[in-house]
Amino acid sequence: MRRVTPTSRLPPVRDLSFAFGLGAITVAGFAPLYFFPLPVLTLALLLALCERVPGHRRHFLLGFAWG
């Protein structure tokens, strides 16, 4: 039987920091830079990252880090 610890329910720090970085890059897609494809690309990368991580709680934390 697998032992569940509080840290086993969280995504790795690497994934959280990657989602945070994607969210920070997304800002360049809005005024004053208007690089419009960037938010679509970063959202697609966030969804690909969420596909790799199991569990709804982890998906929420990745989205929270992104946004």
Protein backbone atom coordinates (compact mmCIF):
# COMPACT_ATOMS: atom_id res chain seq x y z
CA MET A 1 0.00 0.00 0.00
CA ARG A 2 1.30 3.42 -0.92
CA ARG A 3 1.80 5.82 1.92
CA VAL A 4 0.32 9.28 1.35
CA THR A 5 2.23 12.20 2.79
CA PRO A 6 1.25 15.88 2.54
CA THR A 7 4.01 16.52 -0.01
CA SER A 8 2.94 13.61 -2.22
CA ARG A 9 -0.26 15.50 -3.03
CA LEU A 10 1.60 18.52 -4.41
CA PRO A 11 3.16 18.84 -7.85
CA PRO A 12 6.94 19.10 -7.90
CA VAL A 13 8.45 22.54 -7.42
CA ARG A 14 9.82 22.33 -10.97
CA ASP A 15 6.29 22.10 -12.40
CA LEU A 16 5.01 24.92 -10.21
CA SER A 17 7.88 27.22 -11.15
CA PHE A 18 7.42 26.36 -14.84
CA ALA A 19 3.72 27.24 -14.61
CA PHE A 20 4.60 30.48 -12.80
CA GLY A 21 7.12 31.34 -15.52
CA LEU A 22 4.55 30.66 -18.23
CA GLY A 23 2.13 32.99 -16.49
CA ALA A 24 4.77 35.70 -16.25
CA ILE A 25 5.55 35.37 -19.96
CA THR A 26 1.84 35.56 -20.82
CA VAL A 27 1.76 39.20 -19.75
CA ALA A 28 3.78 40.14 -22.85
CA GLY A 29 0.75 39.21 -24.96
CA PHE A 30 -1.23 42.17 -23.67
CA ALA A 31 -0.73 45.95 -23.74
CA PRO A 32 1.71 47.59 -24.47
CA LEU A 33 3.58 44.77 -26.28
CA TYR A 34 0.53 43.12 -27.95
CA PHE A 35 2.31 39.87 -28.84
CA PHE A 36 -1.08 38.21 -29.32
CA PRO A 37 -0.06 34.56 -30.00
CA LEU A 38 1.79 34.34 -26.69
CA PRO A 39 -1.21 33.85 -24.34
CA VAL A 40 -2.56 31.08 -26.58
CA LEU A 41 0.82 29.35 -26.64
CA THR A 42 1.38 29.58 -22.90
CA LEU A 43 -2.14 28.34 -22.18
CA ALA A 44 -1.52 25.34 -24.45
CA LEU A 45 1.72 24.62 -22.60
CA LEU A 46 -0.09 24.87 -19.26
CA LEU A 47 -2.70 22.37 -20.44
CA ALA A 48 0.05 20.02 -21.62
CA LEU A 49 1.67 20.34 -18.20
CA CYS A 50 -1.65 19.57 -16.49
CA GLU A 51 -2.00 16.46 -18.65
CA ARG A 52 1.19 15.04 -17.15
CA VAL A 53 0.19 15.64 -13.52
CA PRO A 54 -2.52 13.41 -11.98
CA GLY A 55 -5.22 14.78 -9.69
CA HIS A 56 -7.55 17.76 -9.61
CA ARG A 57 -5.80 19.39 -6.66
CA ARG A 58 -2.53 19.45 -8.57
CA HIS A 59 -4.26 20.90 -11.62
CA PHE A 60 -5.68 23.66 -9.45
CA LEU A 61 -2.26 24.48 -8.00
CA LEU A 62 -0.66 24.62 -11.43
CA GLY A 63 -3.41 26.94 -12.70
CA PHE A 64 -3.05 29.08 -9.58
CA ALA A 65 0.70 29.35 -10.14
CA TRP A 66 0.12 30.24 -13.80
CA GLY A 67 -2.48 32.90 -13.10
